[in-house]
Amino acid sequence: MTTKTDKILIFDTTLRDGEQCPGATLNIDEKLVIAKQLARLGVDIIEAGFAFASPGDFEAVSKIAEIVGTENGPVICSLARAIKADIEAAAQALKPAAKGRIHTFISTSDIHLEYQLRKSRAEVLAIAQDMVAYAKSFMADVEFSPMDAARSDPEFLYQVLEATIAAGATTINIPDTVGYITPSEFGAIIKGIKENVPNIDQAIISVHGHNDLGLAVANFLEAVKNGARQLECTINGIGERAGNASLEELVMALHVRRQYFNPYLGRPEESQESLTNIDTREIYRTSRLVSNLTGMLVQPNKAIVGTNAFAHESGIHQDGVLKNKLTYEIMDAQLIGLTDNQIVLGKHSGRNAFRTRLKELGFELSDSELNKAFVRFKEVADKKKEISDRDLEAIVNDEIQQAPDLFRVELVQVSCGSNARPTATVTLRTPEGQELTDAAIGTGPVDAVYKAINRVVNVPNELIEFSVQSVTAGIDAIGEVTIRLRYESRVFSGHAANTDIIVASAQAYVNALNRLYAALQTQQKPEGVSAQKV
């Protein structure tokens, strides 16, 4: 049987590899929110997690499989080491999905075999073949990854791939696990596989890569030219170390330059048909959602989704764009979901208009979520005359996608000035429902607020990052605050939005502390579950 696809499949691993980025840990509800948006975006496969890693990961995979993994939805995938217990956990978690996939892996590079696995090539070959067959006994769709394939001996790699395809693998993923390879080398690897693995026509070739040298997207595009038909990527390129190949960059490169890539997929050069199934209009909103929930800010000059991606300061550029956008813009901002529709609602707008506009923006809220968001909208509308789409997104994301609701900010009051000592008084509601108030002096109003909060919560931590940015222009803009704090070796992020940045700062800090506090109350991961990379 020959496995073919006339499009490039997008395999999103934001919820698995992306979440491994320090501080980007998501709770189950947040993962579900992102998974729903990834389905709206049109990704073909969602790698929902590593089911064996922890009860929380298992539950997240299972819940996403049930709610997002519908007949018309994406394939839901779980990672599993080439170990029976991992594969069994993945199969069990994926049971609710209409279309499930087990993604199993084992290292094939000599350096990993010698120092990490301490196994011979023959042992690894046997394990890979046996575990793919075992995964196949649970479901038809099985993906196999030879970890650190980019640094593996080609002849041994070919041998492992042939054996695992024979055992039932329908997708063969070639990972550049350490971000070491260059585009021409990656292309040569894919070409070598096509030419030297006899049964390669029975599987789809996928690629996975990290961005340590800033080459992940370029590597993937070269792989496409040589036969790769599935790309494993993350929103905003988040992930371990320097991150993964960026979904939005890959998709838009294939879209903008489709005449260049068409011949590599056997299409007429002039074809206007999209090379992926992605709804590009959902890209920007997905980027914002992931950024807000993970606390990973998008740098302003980030390709496609950065705030400066469609901005022009140079007089020559501005003149050209005013005359014809094509002079300095290779894509329309509306393609990724940015619109010129800024003024949406005001303080006199009703609940129905609010709900309708949120649906247009892609938010589908329950009645309780809508009620909470509407109350918050009215509060903001009393302070701002004009509410933009980005304001609405910030309100909804901040109100319904919170960390565990343990401590809650009830009051923030600060006193500061050029000749005053910054002083803050805060009142928090504890998980037991008790209201506690304390005050502190700091180097500035935010520092004073955080010191006061720490006196109430009394959980040791170190603030390692604080950033604030406005959602829109204007003196009355909503301010978004993102913070990251460290507890021992773990990093926790917090995010909040408010027209008062001192209040937003307090809420973001408590948001992060709630994540920390919840983590301290959960069980540790099972021993030995540390090899989560591919």
Protein backbone atom coordinates (compact mmCIF):
# COMPACT_ATOMS: atom_id res chain seq x y z
CA MET A 1 0.00 0.00 0.00
CA THR A 2 1.29 3.47 -0.88
CA THR A 3 0.70 6.27 1.61
CA LYS A 4 0.24 9.61 -0.11
CA THR A 5 -0.97 13.09 0.74
CA ASP A 6 -1.49 15.95 -1.69
CA LYS A 7 -0.94 18.49 1.09
CA ILE A 8 1.63 19.15 3.78
CA LEU A 9 0.24 17.84 7.07
CA ILE A 10 0.69 20.08 10.10
CA PHE A 11 1.44 18.19 13.31
CA ASP A 12 1.19 20.59 16.24
CA THR A 13 3.17 19.71 19.35
CA THR A 14 2.57 22.93 21.31
CA LEU A 15 0.85 20.96 24.08
CA ARG A 16 3.66 18.42 24.35
CA ASP A 17 7.06 19.70 23.25
CA GLY A 18 6.05 23.35 23.50
CA GLU A 19 4.94 22.90 27.10
CA GLN A 20 8.40 21.59 28.01
CA CYS A 21 9.70 25.15 27.79
CA PRO A 22 10.57 26.31 31.35
CA GLY A 23 7.64 28.21 32.85
CA ALA A 24 5.18 27.29 30.11
CA THR A 25 3.40 24.56 32.08
CA LEU A 26 -0.35 24.51 31.40
CA ASN A 27 -3.19 23.08 33.44
CA ILE A 28 -5.78 20.75 31.91
CA ASP A 29 -8.38 23.43 31.21
CA GLU A 30 -5.79 25.65 29.52
CA LYS A 31 -4.62 22.75 27.36
CA LEU A 32 -8.21 22.12 26.33
CA VAL A 33 -8.72 25.78 25.38
CA ILE A 34 -5.60 25.68 23.19
CA ALA A 35 -6.59 22.34 21.66
CA LYS A 36 -9.98 23.74 20.66
CA GLN A 37 -8.27 26.70 19.01
CA LEU A 38 -5.80 24.42 17.23
CA ALA A 39 -8.78 22.56 15.79
CA ARG A 40 -10.25 25.87 14.57
CA LEU A 41 -6.84 26.70 13.10
CA GLY A 42 -7.06 23.50 11.08
CA VAL A 43 -4.03 21.52 12.26
CA ASP A 44 -4.12 17.91 11.08
CA ILE A 45 -2.66 16.30 14.20
CA ILE A 46 -2.53 17.54 17.80
CA GLU A 47 0.10 15.94 20.00
CA ALA A 48 -1.86 16.43 23.20
CA GLY A 49 0.80 15.25 25.65
CA PHE A 50 2.79 12.36 27.06
CA ALA A 51 0.10 10.21 28.71
CA PHE A 52 2.43 8.13 30.89
CA ALA A 53 4.35 11.12 32.27
CA SER A 54 1.82 12.01 34.98
CA PRO A 55 -1.86 11.60 35.91
CA GLY A 56 -2.37 15.20 34.80
CA ASP A 57 -0.91 14.54 31.36
CA PHE A 58 -3.01 11.39 31.03
CA GLU A 59 -6.17 13.28 31.93
CA ALA A 60 -5.33 16.12 29.52
CA VAL A 61 -4.76 13.73 26.61
CA SER A 62 -7.97 11.87 27.43
CA LYS A 63 -10.06 15.04 27.76
CA ILE A 64 -8.73 16.49 24.51
CA ALA A 65 -9.33 13.15 22.79
CA GLU A 66 -12.94 13.19 23.97
CA ILE A 67 -13.84 16.83 23.33
CA VAL A 68 -11.62 17.86 20.39
CA GLY A 69 -10.96 14.47 18.77
CA THR A 70 -14.30 14.26 16.98
CA GLU A 71 -14.95 12.57 13.65
CA ASN A 72 -14.44 15.86 11.81
CA GLY A 73 -11.69 17.05 14.11
CA PRO A 74 -7.93 16.54 14.07
CA VAL A 75 -6.07 13.34 14.87
CA ILE A 76 -5.20 13.29 18.59
CA CYS A 77 -1.76 11.92 19.39
CA SER A 78 0.09 10.91 22.55
CA LEU A 79 3.84 10.50 22.87
CA ALA A 80 5.17 7.22 24.29
CA ARG A 81 8.65 5.91 24.81
CA ALA A 82 9.33 2.50 23.25
CA ILE A 83 8.18 0.88 26.48
CA LYS A 84 5.03 -1.20 26.91
CA ALA A 85 3.72 0.79 29.90
CA ASP A 86 4.03 4.06 27.97
CA ILE A 87 2.26 2.64 24.94
CA GLU A 88 -0.54 1.17 27.05
CA ALA A 89 -1.09 4.51 28.80
CA ALA A 90 -1.20 6.33 25.45
CA ALA A 91 -3.68 3.84 24.01
CA GLN A 92 -5.94 4.12 27.05
CA ALA A 93 -5.87 7.93 27.08
CA LEU A 94 -6.64 8.09 23.35
CA LYS A 95 -9.64 5.76 23.50
CA PRO A 96 -12.25 8.56 23.31
CA ALA A 97 -10.76 10.00 20.09
CA ALA A 98 -12.42 9.24 16.77
CA LYS A 99 -8.92 9.32 15.26
CA GLY A 100 -6.05 8.49 17.58
CA ARG A 101 -2.32 8.10 17.05
CA ILE A 102 0.43 6.62 19.22
CA HIS A 103 3.80 8.29 18.66
CA THR A 104 6.60 6.10 20.00
CA PHE A 105 10.32 6.79 19.92
CA ILE A 106 13.78 5.51 20.79
CA SER A 107 17.24 6.95 20.12
CA THR A 108 19.30 5.74 17.17
CA SER A 109 22.44 7.90 17.29
CA ASP A 110 25.59 6.19 18.58
CA ILE A 111 26.15 8.95 21.16
CA HIS A 112 22.67 8.35 22.64
CA LEU A 113 23.07 4.57 22.48
CA GLU A 114 26.36 4.67 24.35
CA TYR A 115 25.72 7.34 26.98
CA GLN A 116 21.93 7.48 27.41
CA LEU A 117 20.45 4.08 26.57
CA ARG A 118 23.58 1.95 27.06
CA LYS A 119 22.31 -0.47 24.44
CA SER A 120 23.70 -1.95 21.24
CA ARG A 121 22.35 -1.22 17.78
CA ALA A 122 20.89 -4.72 17.60
CA GLU A 123 19.01 -4.19 20.87
CA VAL A 124 17.61 -0.84 19.73
CA LEU A 125 16.53 -2.31 16.40
CA ALA A 126 14.66 -5.13 18.14
CA ILE A 127 13.00 -2.77 20.65
CA ALA A 128 11.90 -0.34 17.93
CA GLN A 129 10.35 -3.09 15.82
CA ASP A 130 8.65 -4.84 18.76
CA MET A 131 7.22 -1.66 20.29
CA VAL A 132 5.84 -0.35 17.00
CA ALA A 133 4.12 -3.72 16.55
CA TYR A 134 2.81 -3.48 20.11
CA ALA A 135 1.45 0.03 19.47
CA LYS A 136 -0.11 -1.25 16.25
CA SER A 137 -2.06 -3.82 18.29
CA PHE A 138 -3.93 -0.92 19.92
CA MET A 139 -4.55 1.38 16.94
CA ALA A 140 -3.93 1.57 13.21
CA ASP A 141 -2.23 4.97 13.21
CA VAL A 142 1.30 4.65 14.62
CA GLU A 143 4.16 7.10 14.29
CA PHE A 144 7.78 6.17 14.99
CA SER A 145 10.65 8.56 15.71
CA PRO A 146 14.32 7.57 15.76
CA MET A 147 15.43 10.19 18.30
CA ASP A 148 18.54 12.16 17.30
CA ALA A 149 18.12 10.90 13.74
CA ALA A 150 20.08 13.87 12.38
CA ARG A 151 23.22 12.54 14.09
CA SER A 152 22.54 8.84 13.43
CA ASP A 153 24.56 6.64 11.07
CA PRO A 154 22.51 6.67 7.82
CA GLU A 155 22.83 2.93 7.20
CA PHE A 156 21.57 2.06 10.68
CA LEU A 157 18.81 4.68 10.35
CA TYR A 158 17.63 3.09 7.09
CA GLN A 159 17.61 -0.32 8.76
CA VAL A 160 15.51 0.89 11.70
CA LEU A 161 13.05 2.72 9.46
CA GLU A 162 12.54 -0.30 7.19
CA ALA A 163 11.92 -2.54 10.20
CA THR A 164 9.46 -0.18 11.91
CA ILE A 165 7.47 0.40 8.72
CA ALA A 166 7.27 -3.38 8.29
CA ALA A 167 6.02 -3.57 11.89
CA GLY A 168 3.17 -1.16 11.09
CA ALA A 169 4.38 2.44 11.41
CA THR A 170 2.33 4.69 9.11
CA THR A 171 4.39 7.83 9.77
CA ILE A 172 8.16 7.98 10.08
CA ASN A 173 9.38 11.11 11.86
CA ILE A 174 12.97 12.32 11.42
CA PRO A 175 13.93 14.51 14.40
CA ASP A 176 16.77 16.98 14.62
CA THR A 177 16.60 16.63 18.39
CA VAL A 178 19.47 18.94 19.26
CA GLY A 179 19.05 21.56 16.50
CA TYR A 180 22.36 20.62 14.90
CA ILE A 181 21.58 20.09 11.21
CA THR A 182 21.70 22.59 8.33
CA PRO A 183 19.15 22.81 5.48
CA SER A 184 21.19 21.07 2.78
CA GLU A 185 22.12 18.29 5.21
CA PHE A 186 18.52 17.80 6.30
CA GLY A 187 17.39 17.67 2.69
CA ALA A 188 20.06 15.06 1.98
CA ILE A 189 18.87 12.92 4.91
CA ILE A 190 15.29 12.91 3.60
CA LYS A 191 16.49 12.18 0.07
CA GLY A 192 18.65 9.32 1.37
CA ILE A 193 15.67 7.82 3.19
CA LYS A 194 13.55 8.02 0.05
CA GLU A 195 16.25 6.25 -1.96
CA ASN A 196 17.41 3.63 0.55
CA VAL A 197 14.38 2.49 2.57
CA PRO A 198 12.59 -0.02 0.28
CA ASN A 199 9.15 0.28 1.91
CA ILE A 200 9.19 4.04 2.51
CA ASP A 201 6.23 4.47 0.15
CA GLN A 202 4.08 2.83 2.85
CA ALA A 203 4.64 5.68 5.32
CA ILE A 204 4.51 9.46 5.43
CA ILE A 205 7.84 11.14 6.12
CA SER A 206 7.63 13.69 8.92
CA VAL A 207 10.24 16.06 10.32
CA HIS A 208 10.76 17.49 13.81
CA GLY A 209 13.44 20.00 14.70
CA HIS A 210 14.72 22.42 17.30
CA ASN A 211 15.88 25.94 16.60
CA ASP A 212 19.22 26.04 18.43
CA LEU A 213 20.99 27.47 15.39
CA GLY A 214 17.96 29.40 14.10
CA LEU A 215 17.59 27.00 11.16
CA ALA A 216 14.52 24.92 12.05
CA VAL A 217 12.10 26.50 9.54
CA ALA A 218 14.70 26.53 6.75
CA ASN A 219 15.51 22.89 7.50
CA PHE A 220 11.85 21.91 7.24
CA LEU A 221 11.32 23.72 3.94
CA GLU A 222 14.31 21.91 2.49
CA ALA A 223 12.88 18.63 3.81
CA VAL A 224 9.60 19.36 2.01
CA LYS A 225 11.48 19.78 -1.26
CA ASN A 226 12.97 16.31 -0.74
CA GLY A 227 9.78 14.46 0.18
CA ALA A 228 8.72 15.27 3.75
CA ARG A 229 4.94 15.61 3.95
CA GLN A 230 4.35 16.20 7.66
CA LEU A 231 5.85 19.06 9.69
CA GLU A 232 6.01 18.90 13.49
CA CYS A 233 5.91 22.43 14.90
CA THR A 234 4.62 24.68 17.65
CA ILE A 235 2.73 27.96 17.90
CA ASN A 236 5.20 30.87 18.25
CA GLY A 237 8.00 28.30 17.97
CA ILE A 238 7.95 27.63 21.72
CA GLY A 239 9.68 24.59 23.17
CA GLU A 240 12.80 23.37 24.86
CA ARG A 241 15.95 25.49 24.70
CA ALA A 242 15.63 27.73 21.61
CA GLY A 243 12.26 26.22 20.74
CA ASN A 244 10.78 24.28 17.83
CA ALA A 245 10.09 25.09 14.22
CA SER A 246 7.41 27.81 14.20
CA LEU A 247 4.02 26.78 12.81
CA GLU A 248 3.06 30.24 11.61
CA GLU A 249 6.37 30.76 9.81
CA LEU A 250 6.18 27.39 8.06
CA VAL A 251 2.55 27.78 7.02
CA MET A 252 2.97 31.30 5.69
CA ALA A 253 6.22 30.47 3.89
CA LEU A 254 4.41 27.64 2.11
CA HIS A 255 1.46 29.92 1.40
CA VAL A 256 3.29 33.02 0.19
CA ARG A 257 5.78 31.00 -1.87
CA ARG A 258 3.42 28.24 -3.06
CA GLN A 259 4.35 28.79 -6.70
CA TYR A 260 7.91 27.88 -5.72
CA PHE A 261 6.90 24.78 -3.73
CA ASN A 262 4.07 23.55 -6.02
CA PRO A 263 6.33 21.52 -8.35
CA TYR A 264 7.79 19.61 -5.38
CA LEU A 265 4.27 18.36 -4.64
CA GLY A 266 3.58 17.50 -8.25
CA ARG A 267 1.32 20.49 -8.84
CA PRO A 268 1.35 23.02 -11.66
CA GLU A 269 3.57 25.95 -10.69
CA GLU A 270 0.73 28.46 -11.11
CA SER A 271 -1.69 26.57 -8.82
CA GLN A 272 -3.28 28.81 -6.16
CA GLU A 273 -4.47 25.93 -3.98
CA SER A 274 -3.21 26.03 -0.41
CA LEU A 275 -0.42 23.61 0.45
CA THR A 276 -1.79 23.02 3.97
CA ASN A 277 -5.20 22.68 5.63
CA ILE A 278 -4.55 25.63 7.94
CA ASP A 279 -7.05 28.49 8.12
CA THR A 280 -4.47 31.27 8.12
CA ARG A 281 -7.02 33.79 9.45
CA GLU A 282 -6.82 32.00 12.81
CA ILE A 283 -3.02 32.31 13.10
CA TYR A 284 -2.81 35.59 14.97
CA ARG A 285 -5.49 34.73 17.52
CA THR A 286 -3.88 31.34 18.16
CA SER A 287 -0.53 33.03 18.68
CA ARG A 288 -2.02 35.48 21.18
CA LEU A 289 -3.84 32.73 23.05
CA VAL A 290 -0.73 30.58 23.45
CA SER A 291 1.34 33.60 24.45
CA ASN A 292 -1.17 34.61 27.12
CA LEU A 293 -1.62 31.15 28.62
CA THR A 294 2.03 30.15 28.64
CA GLY A 295 3.35 33.55 29.67
CA MET A 296 5.80 33.40 26.74
CA LEU A 297 5.77 36.84 25.14
CA VAL A 298 6.17 37.14 21.38
CA GLN A 299 9.12 39.36 20.49
CA PRO A 300 8.05 42.46 18.51
CA ASN A 301 10.17 41.56 15.47
CA LYS A 302 8.98 37.94 15.36
CA ALA A 303 8.10 36.89 11.82
CA ILE A 304 4.38 36.75 10.97
CA VAL A 305 2.90 37.41 14.46
CA GLY A 306 5.22 40.01 16.05
CA THR A 307 3.72 43.45 16.68
CA ASN A 308 6.18 44.96 14.20
CA ALA A 309 5.60 42.35 11.48
CA PHE A 310 3.38 44.73 9.49
CA ALA A 311 4.72 48.04 10.82
CA HIS A 312 6.68 50.52 8.69
CA GLU A 313 8.71 53.39 10.14
CA SER A 314 11.01 54.18 7.25
CA GLY A 315 9.67 57.13 5.22
CA ILE A 316 10.49 55.37 1.95
CA HIS A 317 8.65 52.24 3.09
CA GLN A 318 5.65 54.21 4.32
CA ASP A 319 5.42 56.07 1.03
CA GLY A 320 5.57 52.85 -0.95
CA VAL A 321 2.97 51.04 1.17
CA LEU A 322 0.57 53.98 0.94
CA LYS A 323 0.82 53.83 -2.85
CA ASN A 324 0.70 50.05 -3.12
CA LYS A 325 1.07 47.55 -0.24
CA LEU A 326 2.92 45.12 -2.47
CA THR A 327 5.90 47.47 -2.62
CA TYR A 328 7.01 46.45 0.89
CA GLU A 329 4.51 43.84 2.11
CA ILE A 330 4.62 40.27 0.79
CA MET A 331 1.40 39.28 2.55
CA ASP A 332 -1.79 40.97 3.71
CA ALA A 333 -2.17 41.29 7.47
CA GLN A 334 -5.76 40.11 7.10
CA LEU A 335 -4.42 36.75 5.94
CA ILE A 336 -3.35 35.92 9.49
CA GLY A 337 -6.44 37.40 11.14
CA LEU A 338 -5.39 41.00 11.73
CA THR A 339 -8.21 43.36 10.78
CA ASP A 340 -8.73 47.10 10.55
CA ASN A 341 -11.92 46.73 12.60
CA GLN A 342 -10.85 48.43 15.83
CA ILE A 343 -13.96 49.99 17.34
CA VAL A 344 -16.29 47.15 18.24
CA LEU A 345 -18.35 47.73 21.34
CA GLY A 346 -18.97 50.36 24.02
CA LYS A 347 -20.46 50.69 27.48
CA HIS A 348 -24.02 50.72 26.10
CA SER A 349 -23.60 47.43 24.22
CA GLY A 350 -25.76 44.58 25.42
CA ARG A 351 -25.03 40.94 26.26
CA ASN A 352 -26.24 39.68 22.88
CA ALA A 353 -23.96 42.04 20.92
CA PHE A 354 -21.10 41.04 23.22
CA ARG A 355 -21.73 37.32 22.65
CA THR A 356 -22.10 37.80 18.89
CA ARG A 357 -18.82 39.67 18.56
CA LEU A 358 -16.99 37.07 20.64
CA LYS A 359 -18.33 34.32 18.37
CA GLU A 360 -17.08 36.26 15.35
CA LEU A 361 -13.67 36.35 17.04
CA GLY A 362 -13.79 32.59 17.55
CA PHE A 363 -14.72 32.46 21.25
CA GLU A 364 -17.42 29.95 22.15
CA LEU A 365 -18.25 30.51 25.80
CA SER A 366 -20.55 28.69 28.19
CA ASP A 367 -23.23 30.77 29.91
CA SER A 368 -21.19 31.04 33.11
CA GLU A 369 -18.05 32.04 31.20
CA LEU A 370 -20.01 34.61 29.22
CA ASN A 371 -21.46 36.09 32.39
CA LYS A 372 -18.01 36.49 33.97
CA ALA A 373 -16.54 37.98 30.80
CA PHE A 374 -19.52 40.34 30.34
CA VAL A 375 -19.18 41.73 33.87
CA ARG A 376 -15.50 42.37 33.21
CA PHE A 377 -16.32 43.94 29.82
CA LYS A 378 -18.71 46.40 31.48
CA GLU A 379 -16.07 47.34 34.04
CA VAL A 380 -13.56 48.10 31.27
CA ALA A 381 -16.18 49.86 29.11
CA ASP A 382 -16.86 52.29 31.97
CA LYS A 383 -13.19 53.30 31.84
CA LYS A 384 -12.66 53.18 28.05
CA LYS A 385 -14.90 54.82 25.47
CA GLU A 386 -13.86 52.51 22.67
CA ILE A 387 -13.35 48.75 22.97
CA SER A 388 -11.30 47.05 20.24
CA ASP A 389 -11.13 43.40 19.24
CA ARG A 390 -7.77 43.09 20.99
CA ASP A 391 -9.31 44.54 24.15
CA LEU A 392 -12.04 41.90 23.95
CA GLU A 393 -9.49 39.13 23.49
CA ALA A 394 -7.53 40.36 26.50
CA ILE A 395 -10.68 40.56 28.64
CA VAL A 396 -11.87 37.07 27.73
CA ASN A 397 -8.45 35.42 27.99
CA ASP A 398 -7.81 37.05 31.34
CA GLU A 399 -11.23 36.27 32.79
CA ILE A 400 -11.93 32.68 31.77
CA GLN A 401 -8.48 31.16 31.34
CA GLN A 402 -7.01 31.54 34.78
CA ALA A 403 -4.62 29.48 36.85
CA PRO A 404 -6.13 27.47 39.74
CA ASP A 405 -8.40 29.85 41.67
CA LEU A 406 -6.74 29.55 45.08
CA PHE A 407 -5.66 33.00 46.26
CA ARG A 408 -7.66 35.93 44.90
CA VAL A 409 -6.86 39.64 44.86
CA GLU A 410 -9.56 41.58 46.69
CA LEU A 411 -7.83 44.94 47.17
CA VAL A 412 -4.71 46.72 45.93
CA GLN A 413 -3.81 50.18 47.19
CA VAL A 414 -0.51 51.96 46.60
CA SER A 415 1.09 55.22 47.63
CA CYS A 416 4.12 56.49 45.73
CA GLY A 417 5.70 59.62 44.31
CA SER A 418 8.99 61.38 43.67
CA ASN A 419 9.60 62.11 47.36
CA ALA A 420 7.58 59.28 48.89
CA ARG A 421 8.46 55.74 49.90
CA PRO A 422 6.41 53.38 47.68
CA THR A 423 3.95 51.60 49.96
CA ALA A 424 1.34 48.98 49.08
CA THR A 425 -1.57 47.47 50.95
CA VAL A 426 -3.12 44.28 49.59
CA THR A 427 -6.01 42.07 50.65
CA LEU A 428 -6.12 38.49 49.41
CA ARG A 429 -8.82 35.87 49.80
CA THR A 430 -7.18 32.57 50.77
CA PRO A 431 -8.18 29.11 49.46
CA GLU A 432 -10.09 28.66 52.74
CA GLY A 433 -12.12 31.83 52.11
CA GLN A 434 -10.39 33.99 54.71
CA GLU A 435 -9.46 37.58 53.85
CA LEU A 436 -5.92 38.56 54.85
CA THR A 437 -4.44 42.06 54.58
CA ASP A 438 -0.81 43.13 54.76
CA ALA A 439 1.36 46.04 53.68
CA ALA A 440 4.95 46.53 52.56
CA ILE A 441 7.43 49.13 51.35
CA GLY A 442 9.34 48.55 48.11
CA THR A 443 11.64 50.18 45.60
CA GLY A 444 8.59 51.02 43.51
CA PRO A 445 4.81 50.43 43.61
CA VAL A 446 4.96 47.01 41.94
CA ASP A 447 7.80 45.85 44.17
CA ALA A 448 5.82 46.98 47.21
CA VAL A 449 2.72 45.11 46.00
CA TYR A 450 4.71 41.92 45.44
CA LYS A 451 6.35 42.12 48.87
CA ALA A 452 2.94 42.56 50.48
CA ILE A 453 1.53 39.61 48.56
CA ASN A 454 4.48 37.46 49.59
CA ARG A 455 3.83 38.30 53.24
CA VAL A 456 0.28 36.96 52.85
CA VAL A 457 0.95 33.88 50.71
CA ASN A 458 4.25 32.99 52.42
CA VAL A 459 5.61 30.72 49.66
CA PRO A 460 9.32 31.31 48.89
CA ASN A 461 9.94 32.32 45.27
CA GLU A 462 12.20 34.46 43.10
CA LEU A 463 10.78 36.88 40.52
CA ILE A 464 12.90 36.39 37.40
CA GLU A 465 10.93 38.24 34.73
CA PHE A 466 8.42 41.09 34.65
CA SER A 467 7.02 42.69 31.52
CA VAL A 468 4.14 45.02 30.77
CA GLN A 469 2.75 46.07 27.41
CA SER A 470 -0.34 47.86 26.19
CA VAL A 471 -2.94 45.94 24.23
CA THR A 472 -3.84 48.97 22.11
CA ALA A 473 -2.70 52.57 21.74
CA GLY A 474 -3.95 55.37 23.95
CA ILE A 475 -3.69 56.55 27.53
CA ASP A 476 -6.66 54.36 28.52
CA ALA A 477 -5.25 51.17 26.97
CA ILE A 478 -5.51 47.84 28.73
CA GLY A 479 -2.13 46.85 30.10
CA GLU A 480 -1.06 43.22 29.94
CA VAL A 481 1.42 42.02 32.55
CA THR A 482 3.37 38.79 32.25
CA ILE A 483 5.63 37.57 35.03
CA ARG A 484 7.77 34.49 35.63
CA LEU A 485 8.93 33.35 39.02
CA ARG A 486 11.20 30.55 40.15
CA TYR A 487 10.69 28.09 42.98
CA GLU A 488 13.70 25.80 43.46
CA SER A 489 14.35 24.52 39.91
CA ARG A 490 10.85 25.14 38.51
CA VAL A 491 9.52 28.23 36.73
CA PHE A 492 5.90 29.41 36.86
CA SER A 493 4.29 32.10 34.73
CA GLY A 494 1.40 34.45 35.39
CA HIS A 495 -0.60 36.77 33.16
CA ALA A 496 -3.27 39.42 33.73
CA ALA A 497 -4.82 42.39 31.93
CA ASN A 498 -6.33 45.55 33.38
CA THR A 499 -6.58 49.25 32.60
CA ASP A 500 -4.64 49.74 35.86
CA ILE A 501 -1.21 48.17 35.43
CA ILE A 502 -0.60 48.02 39.20
CA VAL A 503 -3.74 45.91 39.59
CA ALA A 504 -2.74 43.82 36.57
CA SER A 505 0.70 43.33 38.13
CA ALA A 506 -0.85 42.08 41.36
CA GLN A 507 -3.23 39.75 39.55
CA ALA A 508 -0.46 38.33 37.34
CA TYR A 509 1.72 37.67 40.38
CA VAL A 510 -1.08 35.91 42.24
CA ASN A 511 -1.83 33.97 39.03
CA ALA A 512 1.74 32.63 39.04
CA LEU A 513 1.69 31.98 42.78
CA ASN A 514 -1.51 29.97 42.37
CA ARG A 515 0.25 27.77 39.81
CA LEU A 516 3.16 27.32 42.20
CA TYR A 517 0.87 26.64 45.15
CA ALA A 518 -1.14 24.08 43.15
CA ALA A 519 2.05 22.36 41.98
CA LEU A 520 3.21 21.95 45.56
CA GLN A 521 0.00 20.08 46.33
CA THR A 522 0.16 17.65 43.40
CA GLN A 523 1.98 14.38 43.33
CA GLN A 524 5.41 14.07 41.73
CA LYS A 525 5.77 12.43 38.28
CA PRO A 526 6.44 8.66 38.25
CA GLU A 527 10.12 7.82 38.48
CA GLY A 528 12.04 7.41 35.25
CA VAL A 529 9.78 9.58 33.11
CA SER A 530 12.32 12.13 31.98
CA ALA A 531 13.00 11.38 28.31
CA GLN A 532 10.30 13.61 26.83
CA LYS A 533 12.33 14.98 23.95
CA VAL A 534 12.12 14.06 20.31
